[in-house]
Amino acid sequence: MSELVRIPLRLIETGPVSQGTCGAGDSFEVPLIVFFEQGIFSVPYQQDLLDELKKERRNAHHAFIFARNAEYGSFWNHYGKNFQR
């Protein structure tokens, strides 16, 4: 299941740097692709964009959040109050 929400960036775990790069001319309006697995939010493909957003001191950003059906209820029960649709 997936949802497009505005996610607080503090909830996302930082991981290894991806191979892509985000240049200064790129738009920050591109939504992040976030995975929710075992209670952890991660951005496996856009770590460079996440780093740039954090450097800009942005508190939240639009993201597609993907969760397995079994974890979808847990996602909304524990974190639903932190998101705007």
Protein backbone atom coordinates (compact mmCIF):
# COMPACT_ATOMS: atom_id res chain seq x y z
CA MET A 1 0.00 0.00 0.00
CA SER A 2 1.17 3.54 -0.54
CA GLU A 3 0.15 7.03 0.53
CA LEU A 4 1.23 10.51 -0.58
CA VAL A 5 1.75 12.53 2.59
CA ARG A 6 3.90 15.32 3.95
CA ILE A 7 6.40 13.53 6.21
CA PRO A 8 8.50 15.10 8.96
CA LEU A 9 12.11 14.49 7.86
CA ARG A 10 13.19 13.70 11.43
CA LEU A 11 11.32 10.38 11.19
CA ILE A 12 13.47 9.08 8.32
CA GLU A 13 16.54 7.01 9.15
CA THR A 14 19.67 8.14 7.31
CA GLY A 15 21.45 5.40 5.48
CA PRO A 16 24.25 4.91 3.00
CA VAL A 17 24.59 7.48 0.22
CA SER A 18 22.87 6.50 -3.01
CA GLN A 19 24.59 6.67 -6.38
CA GLY A 20 22.41 9.49 -7.75
CA THR A 21 23.17 13.15 -7.20
CA CYS A 22 20.93 16.10 -6.60
CA GLY A 23 22.22 19.24 -8.29
CA ALA A 24 21.49 22.77 -7.18
CA GLY A 25 19.13 23.26 -10.13
CA ASP A 26 16.98 20.26 -9.27
CA SER A 27 13.52 20.92 -7.92
CA PHE A 28 12.81 20.07 -4.30
CA GLU A 29 9.18 19.49 -5.27
CA VAL A 30 9.97 15.90 -6.27
CA PRO A 31 8.41 13.62 -3.64
CA LEU A 32 10.62 11.25 -1.71
CA ILE A 33 10.08 7.50 -1.97
CA VAL A 34 9.98 6.21 1.60
CA PHE A 35 9.69 2.61 2.74
CA PHE A 36 8.17 1.70 6.11
CA GLU A 37 9.46 -1.67 7.27
CA GLN A 38 9.58 -3.04 10.81
CA GLY A 39 8.72 0.37 12.26
CA ILE A 40 11.51 2.23 10.43
CA PHE A 41 11.23 4.79 7.63
CA SER A 42 14.02 4.64 5.05
CA VAL A 43 14.88 6.31 1.74
CA PRO A 44 16.99 3.79 -0.19
CA TYR A 45 17.02 5.59 -3.55
CA GLN A 46 17.07 9.33 -2.80
CA GLN A 47 19.50 9.74 0.08
CA ASP A 48 21.15 12.67 -1.71
CA LEU A 49 17.82 14.52 -1.97
CA LEU A 50 17.07 13.81 1.70
CA ASP A 51 20.50 15.18 2.67
CA GLU A 52 19.89 18.35 0.63
CA LEU A 53 16.48 18.86 2.24
CA LYS A 54 18.01 18.49 5.69
CA LYS A 55 20.80 20.95 4.79
CA GLU A 56 18.08 23.41 3.77
CA ARG A 57 16.61 22.84 7.26
CA ARG A 58 13.27 21.75 5.91
CA ASN A 59 11.05 20.19 8.53
CA ALA A 60 8.82 18.17 6.20
CA HIS A 61 8.52 17.15 2.57
CA HIS A 62 6.03 15.32 0.37
CA ALA A 63 6.68 11.61 0.08
CA PHE A 64 5.14 8.42 -1.18
CA ILE A 65 5.24 6.01 1.74
CA PHE A 66 5.18 2.33 0.87
CA ALA A 67 4.28 -0.29 3.47
CA ARG A 68 3.31 -3.93 3.28
CA ASN A 69 -0.35 -4.64 3.96
CA ALA A 70 0.57 -6.24 7.31
CA GLU A 71 2.40 -3.08 8.45
CA TYR A 72 -0.01 -0.52 7.00
CA GLY A 73 -2.24 -0.43 10.09
CA SER A 74 0.77 -0.05 12.37
CA PHE A 75 2.02 2.81 10.20
CA TRP A 76 -1.22 4.80 10.58
CA ASN A 77 -1.77 3.90 14.24
CA HIS A 78 1.70 4.99 15.36
CA TYR A 79 2.54 7.79 12.92
CA GLY A 80 -0.73 8.98 11.39
CA LYS A 81 -0.93 12.08 13.58
CA ASN A 82 2.45 13.27 12.19
CA PHE A 83 1.33 13.39 8.56
CA GLN A 84 -0.72 15.71 6.39
CA ARG A 85 -2.47 14.27 3.37
